[in-house]
């Protein structure tokens, strides 16, 4: 009978399959369109951000109040429970008074931290540079401390003094292989002095060194506080 029906309307099996596929696609498109419309028309229940932040702040305040309810004034105690130990009051570290100074070449790291604006890190850096140099010859050398800023330098320089200057080393008559390493003496300058001492046995002063390209007038000013070249 079914075959007779298909024969009347002249459908074959391939046409039926195609028709069913088209019908499924149309139904799916209609369902998707209806779902999108419903989603767009749905009410928004998400609370505003401001209300959420306000609620969170109220919760934090409530927790803080609960934490502050029990303290030493109303804490319940007994014969074997006397409560926690009393907290010590913080005492700020004593600083040297305005107008006082410390010797830049003698103060240790602990003493340097008494200077306003100097903490443990800068105190160690000041001492480290002093050891490398063999001592400071001027307060201005604080500007060479690693990480020193103009603002910090201007604030701390008034707290320092120099009772003693570095002892100078007579390098002019040293053995050529005994020249010390120094931050102000570059490798090229060190080698130049070494060659002169090896060849001549002594230096003839700054005039001889300044004739070399590796030495400048500024070098003579820096190095003259640490070395005697004649």
C-alpha atoms as a PDB file:
ATOM      1  CA  UNK A   1       0.000   0.000   0.000  1.00  0.00           C
ATOM      2  CA  UNK A   2       2.840   2.375   0.940  1.00  0.00           C
ATOM      3  CA  UNK A   3       4.518   1.559  -2.309  1.00  0.00           C
ATOM      4  CA  UNK A   4       1.316   2.429  -4.059  1.00  0.00           C
ATOM      5  CA  UNK A   5       1.215   5.770  -2.272  1.00  0.00           C
ATOM      6  CA  UNK A   6       4.741   6.645  -3.346  1.00  0.00           C
ATOM      7  CA  UNK A   7       3.893   5.428  -6.862  1.00  0.00           C
ATOM      8  CA  UNK A   8       0.879   7.773  -6.999  1.00  0.00           C
ATOM      9  CA  UNK A   9       2.895  10.817  -5.987  1.00  0.00           C
ATOM     10  CA  UNK A  10       5.916   9.626  -7.934  1.00  0.00           C
ATOM     11  CA  UNK A  11       8.419   9.680  -4.938  1.00  0.00           C
ATOM     12  CA  UNK A  12      11.384   7.421  -4.802  1.00  0.00           C
ATOM     13  CA  UNK A  13      13.517   6.489  -1.773  1.00  0.00           C
ATOM     14  CA  UNK A  14      16.177   9.123  -2.543  1.00  0.00           C
ATOM     15  CA  UNK A  15      13.572  11.899  -2.631  1.00  0.00           C
ATOM     16  CA  UNK A  16      12.215  10.847   0.745  1.00  0.00           C
ATOM     17  CA  UNK A  17      15.672  10.957   2.359  1.00  0.00           C
ATOM     18  CA  UNK A  18      16.320  14.422   0.969  1.00  0.00           C
ATOM     19  CA  UNK A  19      12.939  15.675   2.160  1.00  0.00           C
ATOM     20  CA  UNK A  20      13.535  14.382   5.681  1.00  0.00           C
ATOM     21  CA  UNK A  21      16.954  16.055   5.783  1.00  0.00           C
ATOM     22  CA  UNK A  22      15.488  19.413   4.700  1.00  0.00           C
ATOM     23  CA  UNK A  23      12.699  19.098   7.268  1.00  0.00           C
ATOM     24  CA  UNK A  24      15.245  18.441  10.072  1.00  0.00           C
ATOM     25  CA  UNK A  25      17.294  21.480   9.073  1.00  0.00           C
ATOM     26  CA  UNK A  26      14.224  23.734   9.092  1.00  0.00           C
ATOM     27  CA  UNK A  27      13.133  22.493  12.531  1.00  0.00           C
ATOM     28  CA  UNK A  28      16.608  23.014  13.939  1.00  0.00           C
ATOM     29  CA  UNK A  29      16.814  26.585  12.605  1.00  0.00           C
ATOM     30  CA  UNK A  30      13.429  27.459  14.113  1.00  0.00           C
ATOM     31  CA  UNK A  31      14.442  26.018  17.499  1.00  0.00           C
ATOM     32  CA  UNK A  32      17.756  27.943  17.516  1.00  0.00           C
ATOM     33  CA  UNK A  33      15.981  31.204  16.618  1.00  0.00           C
ATOM     34  CA  UNK A  34      13.482  30.728  19.463  1.00  0.00           C
ATOM     35  CA  UNK A  35      16.295  29.985  21.981  1.00  0.00           C
ATOM     36  CA  UNK A  36      18.197  33.176  21.070  1.00  0.00           C
ATOM     37  CA  UNK A  37      15.075  35.333  21.479  1.00  0.00           C
ATOM     38  CA  UNK A  38      14.380  33.858  24.901  1.00  0.00           C
ATOM     39  CA  UNK A  39      17.981  34.427  26.013  1.00  0.00           C
ATOM     40  CA  UNK A  40      17.922  38.092  24.963  1.00  0.00           C
ATOM     41  CA  UNK A  41      14.641  38.710  26.759  1.00  0.00           C
ATOM     42  CA  UNK A  42      15.709  36.988  30.001  1.00  0.00           C
ATOM     43  CA  UNK A  43      16.051  39.352  33.012  1.00  0.00           C
ATOM     44  CA  UNK A  44      19.563  40.117  34.255  1.00  0.00           C
ATOM     45  CA  UNK A  45      19.985  39.027  37.861  1.00  0.00           C
ATOM     46  CA  UNK A  46      23.713  39.834  38.280  1.00  0.00           C
ATOM     47  CA  UNK A  47      24.129  42.464  40.998  1.00  0.00           C
ATOM     48  CA  UNK A  48      26.043  45.662  40.128  1.00  0.00           C
ATOM     49  CA  UNK A  49      29.765  45.719  40.911  1.00  0.00           C
ATOM     50  CA  UNK A  50      29.322  48.633  43.296  1.00  0.00           C
ATOM     51  CA  UNK A  51      26.822  46.671  45.385  1.00  0.00           C
ATOM     52  CA  UNK A  52      29.165  43.676  45.430  1.00  0.00           C
ATOM     53  CA  UNK A  53      32.131  45.772  46.617  1.00  0.00           C
ATOM     54  CA  UNK A  54      29.960  47.424  49.271  1.00  0.00           C
ATOM     55  CA  UNK A  55      28.776  44.041  50.505  1.00  0.00           C
ATOM     56  CA  UNK A  56      32.367  42.755  50.671  1.00  0.00           C
ATOM     57  CA  UNK A  57      33.485  45.840  52.612  1.00  0.00           C
ATOM     58  CA  UNK A  58      30.632  45.387  55.089  1.00  0.00           C
ATOM     59  CA  UNK A  59      31.664  41.764  55.585  1.00  0.00           C
ATOM     60  CA  UNK A  60      35.286  42.766  56.267  1.00  0.00           C
ATOM     61  CA  UNK A  61      34.181  45.394  58.773  1.00  0.00           C
ATOM     62  CA  UNK A  62      31.992  42.826  60.515  1.00  0.00           C
ATOM     63  CA  UNK A  63      34.929  40.391  60.765  1.00  0.00           C
ATOM     64  CA  UNK A  64      37.185  43.127  62.174  1.00  0.00           C
ATOM     65  CA  UNK A  65      34.590  44.010  64.811  1.00  0.00           C
ATOM     66  CA  UNK A  66      34.293  40.376  65.810  1.00  0.00           C
ATOM     67  CA  UNK A  67      38.053  40.124  66.190  1.00  0.00           C
ATOM     68  CA  UNK A  68      38.151  43.190  68.451  1.00  0.00           C
ATOM     69  CA  UNK A  69      35.372  42.031  70.756  1.00  0.00           C
ATOM     70  CA  UNK A  70      37.664  40.107  73.130  1.00  0.00           C
ATOM     71  CA  UNK A  71      40.773  41.819  74.453  1.00  0.00           C
ATOM     72  CA  UNK A  72      42.659  42.137  77.741  1.00  0.00           C
ATOM     73  CA  UNK A  73      39.852  44.222  79.268  1.00  0.00           C
ATOM     74  CA  UNK A  74      37.128  41.598  78.955  1.00  0.00           C
ATOM     75  CA  UNK A  75      38.953  38.298  78.383  1.00  0.00           C
ATOM     76  CA  UNK A  76      37.768  35.435  80.572  1.00  0.00           C
ATOM     77  CA  UNK A  77      40.597  33.969  82.641  1.00  0.00           C
ATOM     78  CA  UNK A  78      41.090  31.261  85.231  1.00  0.00           C
ATOM     79  CA  UNK A  79      43.727  29.943  87.582  1.00  0.00           C
ATOM     80  CA  UNK A  80      45.575  28.174  84.780  1.00  0.00           C
ATOM     81  CA  UNK A  81      44.777  30.586  81.905  1.00  0.00           C
ATOM     82  CA  UNK A  82      45.949  34.153  82.190  1.00  0.00           C
ATOM     83  CA  UNK A  83      45.708  35.072  78.525  1.00  0.00           C
ATOM     84  CA  UNK A  84      48.445  35.792  75.961  1.00  0.00           C
ATOM     85  CA  UNK A  85      51.507  37.869  76.855  1.00  0.00           C
ATOM     86  CA  UNK A  86      51.203  41.618  76.558  1.00  0.00           C
ATOM     87  CA  UNK A  87      52.665  43.043  73.370  1.00  0.00           C
ATOM     88  CA  UNK A  88      55.681  45.284  73.742  1.00  0.00           C
ATOM     89  CA  UNK A  89      55.403  48.836  72.520  1.00  0.00           C
ATOM     90  CA  UNK A  90      57.517  49.532  69.423  1.00  0.00           C
ATOM     91  CA  UNK A  91      60.380  51.897  70.124  1.00  0.00           C
ATOM     92  CA  UNK A  92      61.775  53.626  67.016  1.00  0.00           C
ATOM     93  CA  UNK A  93      65.503  53.228  66.481  1.00  0.00           C
ATOM     94  CA  UNK A  94      67.496  56.068  67.942  1.00  0.00           C
ATOM     95  CA  UNK A  95      69.013  58.338  65.332  1.00  0.00           C
ATOM     96  CA  UNK A  96      71.886  60.736  65.747  1.00  0.00           C
ATOM     97  CA  UNK A  97      70.632  64.252  66.472  1.00  0.00           C
ATOM     98  CA  UNK A  98      70.722  67.136  64.018  1.00  0.00           C
ATOM     99  CA  UNK A  99      74.179  68.707  63.942  1.00  0.00           C
ATOM    100  CA  UNK A 100      76.046  65.585  65.119  1.00  0.00           C
ATOM    101  CA  UNK A 101      78.419  63.753  62.776  1.00  0.00           C
ATOM    102  CA  UNK A 102      80.149  60.393  62.501  1.00  0.00           C
ATOM    103  CA  UNK A 103      83.605  59.731  61.062  1.00  0.00           C
ATOM    104  CA  UNK A 104      83.160  58.305  57.581  1.00  0.00           C
ATOM    105  CA  UNK A 105      86.452  56.396  57.784  1.00  0.00           C
ATOM    106  CA  UNK A 106      85.868  54.850  61.235  1.00  0.00           C
ATOM    107  CA  UNK A 107      82.125  54.207  61.595  1.00  0.00           C
ATOM    108  CA  UNK A 108      81.042  50.572  61.290  1.00  0.00           C
ATOM    109  CA  UNK A 109      77.822  49.402  59.649  1.00  0.00           C
ATOM    110  CA  UNK A 110      75.822  49.530  62.885  1.00  0.00           C
ATOM    111  CA  UNK A 111      76.864  53.126  63.549  1.00  0.00           C
ATOM    112  CA  UNK A 112      76.062  54.167  59.988  1.00  0.00           C
ATOM    113  CA  UNK A 113      72.469  52.957  60.376  1.00  0.00           C
ATOM    114  CA  UNK A 114      71.999  55.638  63.055  1.00  0.00           C
ATOM    115  CA  UNK A 115      72.261  58.250  60.316  1.00  0.00           C
ATOM    116  CA  UNK A 116      68.790  59.275  59.086  1.00  0.00           C
ATOM    117  CA  UNK A 117      68.277  57.931  55.576  1.00  0.00           C
ATOM    118  CA  UNK A 118      70.778  55.054  55.864  1.00  0.00           C
ATOM    119  CA  UNK A 119      69.577  51.501  56.389  1.00  0.00           C
ATOM    120  CA  UNK A 120      71.562  48.259  56.652  1.00  0.00           C
ATOM    121  CA  UNK A 121      71.964  47.909  52.877  1.00  0.00           C
ATOM    122  CA  UNK A 122      73.465  51.359  52.313  1.00  0.00           C
ATOM    123  CA  UNK A 123      75.584  51.012  55.455  1.00  0.00           C
ATOM    124  CA  UNK A 124      77.180  47.844  54.055  1.00  0.00           C
ATOM    125  CA  UNK A 125      77.753  49.495  50.676  1.00  0.00           C
ATOM    126  CA  UNK A 126      79.460  52.508  52.280  1.00  0.00           C
ATOM    127  CA  UNK A 127      81.791  50.253  54.266  1.00  0.00           C
ATOM    128  CA  UNK A 128      82.488  48.023  51.242  1.00  0.00           C
ATOM    129  CA  UNK A 129      83.536  50.977  49.058  1.00  0.00           C
ATOM    130  CA  UNK A 130      85.677  52.367  51.889  1.00  0.00           C
ATOM    131  CA  UNK A 131      87.515  49.043  52.145  1.00  0.00           C
ATOM    132  CA  UNK A 132      88.107  48.888  48.397  1.00  0.00           C
ATOM    133  CA  UNK A 133      89.403  52.438  48.260  1.00  0.00           C
ATOM    134  CA  UNK A 134      91.520  52.229  51.381  1.00  0.00           C
ATOM    135  CA  UNK A 135      89.446  54.994  52.964  1.00  0.00           C
ATOM    136  CA  UNK A 136      87.570  58.096  51.832  1.00  0.00           C
ATOM    137  CA  UNK A 137      89.477  61.332  51.309  1.00  0.00           C
ATOM    138  CA  UNK A 138      86.345  63.480  50.901  1.00  0.00           C
ATOM    139  CA  UNK A 139      82.660  63.269  51.842  1.00  0.00           C
ATOM    140  CA  UNK A 140      81.901  63.821  48.160  1.00  0.00           C
ATOM    141  CA  UNK A 141      82.924  60.226  47.466  1.00  0.00           C
ATOM    142  CA  UNK A 142      79.653  59.092  49.024  1.00  0.00           C
ATOM    143  CA  UNK A 143      78.156  59.893  45.634  1.00  0.00           C
ATOM    144  CA  UNK A 144      80.033  56.858  44.273  1.00  0.00           C
ATOM    145  CA  UNK A 145      78.244  54.385  46.584  1.00  0.00           C
ATOM    146  CA  UNK A 146      76.174  51.974  44.499  1.00  0.00           C
ATOM    147  CA  UNK A 147      72.554  53.098  44.239  1.00  0.00           C
ATOM    148  CA  UNK A 148      73.139  56.514  45.810  1.00  0.00           C
ATOM    149  CA  UNK A 149      70.644  59.105  44.574  1.00  0.00           C
ATOM    150  CA  UNK A 150      71.108  62.904  44.602  1.00  0.00           C
ATOM    151  CA  UNK A 151      68.275  63.265  47.111  1.00  0.00           C
ATOM    152  CA  UNK A 152      69.673  60.708  49.545  1.00  0.00           C
ATOM    153  CA  UNK A 153      73.192  62.113  49.234  1.00  0.00           C
ATOM    154  CA  UNK A 154      72.032  65.669  49.969  1.00  0.00           C
ATOM    155  CA  UNK A 155      70.178  64.414  53.065  1.00  0.00           C
ATOM    156  CA  UNK A 156      73.004  62.347  54.606  1.00  0.00           C
ATOM    157  CA  UNK A 157      76.201  64.258  53.764  1.00  0.00           C
ATOM    158  CA  UNK A 158      75.756  66.703  56.678  1.00  0.00           C
ATOM    159  CA  UNK A 159      76.030  63.826  59.167  1.00  0.00           C
ATOM    160  CA  UNK A 160      79.601  62.872  58.188  1.00  0.00           C
ATOM    161  CA  UNK A 161      83.061  64.136  58.948  1.00  0.00           C
ATOM    162  CA  UNK A 162      86.601  62.965  58.149  1.00  0.00           C
ATOM    163  CA  UNK A 163      89.084  63.070  61.018  1.00  0.00           C
ATOM    164  CA  UNK A 164      91.726  61.125  59.097  1.00  0.00           C
ATOM    165  CA  UNK A 165      92.543  60.827  55.424  1.00  0.00           C
ATOM    166  CA  UNK A 166      93.705  57.583  53.740  1.00  0.00           C
ATOM    167  CA  UNK A 167      97.375  56.699  54.078  1.00  0.00           C
ATOM    168  CA  UNK A 168      99.143  57.072  50.748  1.00  0.00           C
ATOM    169  CA  UNK A 169     101.283  54.298  49.315  1.00  0.00           C
ATOM    170  CA  UNK A 170     104.611  55.211  47.758  1.00  0.00           C
ATOM    171  CA  UNK A 171     104.207  53.359  44.481  1.00  0.00           C
ATOM    172  CA  UNK A 172     107.143  54.992  42.707  1.00  0.00           C
ATOM    173  CA  UNK A 173     109.677  52.609  44.232  1.00  0.00           C
ATOM    174  CA  UNK A 174     107.621  49.427  44.520  1.00  0.00           C
ATOM    175  CA  UNK A 175     108.637  46.225  42.775  1.00  0.00           C
ATOM    176  CA  UNK A 176     106.916  45.985  39.406  1.00  0.00           C
ATOM    177  CA  UNK A 177     104.916  42.909  40.499  1.00  0.00           C
ATOM    178  CA  UNK A 178     103.737  44.473  43.790  1.00  0.00           C
ATOM    179  CA  UNK A 179     101.410  47.151  42.446  1.00  0.00           C
ATOM    180  CA  UNK A 180      98.100  46.900  44.394  1.00  0.00           C
ATOM    181  CA  UNK A 181      94.677  46.707  42.790  1.00  0.00           C
ATOM    182  CA  UNK A 182      92.593  49.855  43.278  1.00  0.00           C
ATOM    183  CA  UNK A 183      89.155  50.978  42.027  1.00  0.00           C
ATOM    184  CA  UNK A 184      90.667  54.182  40.648  1.00  0.00           C
ATOM    185  CA  UNK A 185      93.459  52.375  38.810  1.00  0.00           C
ATOM    186  CA  UNK A 186      92.345  50.770  35.562  1.00  0.00           C
ATOM    187  CA  UNK A 187      93.888  47.621  34.156  1.00  0.00           C
ATOM    188  CA  UNK A 188      95.595  49.605  31.386  1.00  0.00           C
ATOM    189  CA  UNK A 189      97.057  52.079  33.901  1.00  0.00           C
ATOM    190  CA  UNK A 190      98.160  49.236  36.170  1.00  0.00           C
ATOM    191  CA  UNK A 191      99.989  47.552  33.283  1.00  0.00           C
ATOM    192  CA  UNK A 192     101.613  50.850  32.220  1.00  0.00           C
ATOM    193  CA  UNK A 193     103.064  51.444  35.701  1.00  0.00           C
ATOM    194  CA  UNK A 194     104.182  47.826  35.848  1.00  0.00           C
ATOM    195  CA  UNK A 195     106.116  48.184  32.560  1.00  0.00           C
ATOM    196  CA  UNK A 196     107.820  51.395  33.707  1.00  0.00           C
ATOM    197  CA  UNK A 197     108.892  49.877  37.029  1.00  0.00           C
ATOM    198  CA  UNK A 198     110.126  46.735  35.286  1.00  0.00           C
ATOM    199  CA  UNK A 199     112.128  48.762  32.779  1.00  0.00           C
ATOM    200  CA  UNK A 200     113.409  51.688  34.878  1.00  0.00           C
ATOM    201  CA  UNK A 201     113.052  50.445  38.445  1.00  0.00           C
ATOM    202  CA  UNK A 202     111.147  53.596  39.509  1.00  0.00           C
ATOM    203  CA  UNK A 203     108.690  56.257  38.394  1.00  0.00           C
ATOM    204  CA  UNK A 204     109.694  59.830  37.641  1.00  0.00           C
ATOM    205  CA  UNK A 205     106.440  61.304  38.883  1.00  0.00           C
ATOM    206  CA  UNK A 206     103.131  62.381  37.422  1.00  0.00           C
ATOM    207  CA  UNK A 207     104.802  64.122  34.521  1.00  0.00           C
ATOM    208  CA  UNK A 208     105.937  60.767  33.191  1.00  0.00           C
ATOM    209  CA  UNK A 209     102.521  59.168  33.664  1.00  0.00           C
ATOM    210  CA  UNK A 210     100.610  62.077  32.146  1.00  0.00           C
ATOM    211  CA  UNK A 211     102.645  61.693  28.977  1.00  0.00           C
ATOM    212  CA  UNK A 212     100.852  58.367  28.462  1.00  0.00           C
ATOM    213  CA  UNK A 213      97.458  58.254  26.738  1.00  0.00           C
ATOM    214  CA  UNK A 214      95.902  56.142  29.501  1.00  0.00           C
ATOM    215  CA  UNK A 215      96.433  58.830  32.181  1.00  0.00           C
ATOM    216  CA  UNK A 216      94.584  62.149  32.392  1.00  0.00           C
ATOM    217  CA  UNK A 217      94.681  65.123  34.708  1.00  0.00           C
ATOM    218  CA  UNK A 218      91.557  63.852  36.473  1.00  0.00           C
ATOM    219  CA  UNK A 219      93.323  60.533  37.102  1.00  0.00           C
ATOM    220  CA  UNK A 220      96.172  62.351  38.788  1.00  0.00           C
ATOM    221  CA  UNK A 221      93.711  64.131  41.120  1.00  0.00           C
ATOM    222  CA  UNK A 222      91.964  60.904  42.113  1.00  0.00           C
ATOM    223  CA  UNK A 223      95.060  58.743  42.484  1.00  0.00           C
ATOM    224  CA  UNK A 224      97.218  61.338  44.252  1.00  0.00           C
ATOM    225  CA  UNK A 225      95.137  60.831  47.429  1.00  0.00           C
ATOM    226  CA  UNK A 226      96.146  57.162  47.530  1.00  0.00           C
ATOM    227  CA  UNK A 227      99.534  56.903  45.789  1.00  0.00           C
ATOM    228  CA  UNK A 228     102.814  58.805  45.813  1.00  0.00           C
ATOM    229  CA  UNK A 229     104.195  58.631  42.291  1.00  0.00           C
ATOM    230  CA  UNK A 230     107.645  60.201  42.805  1.00  0.00           C
END
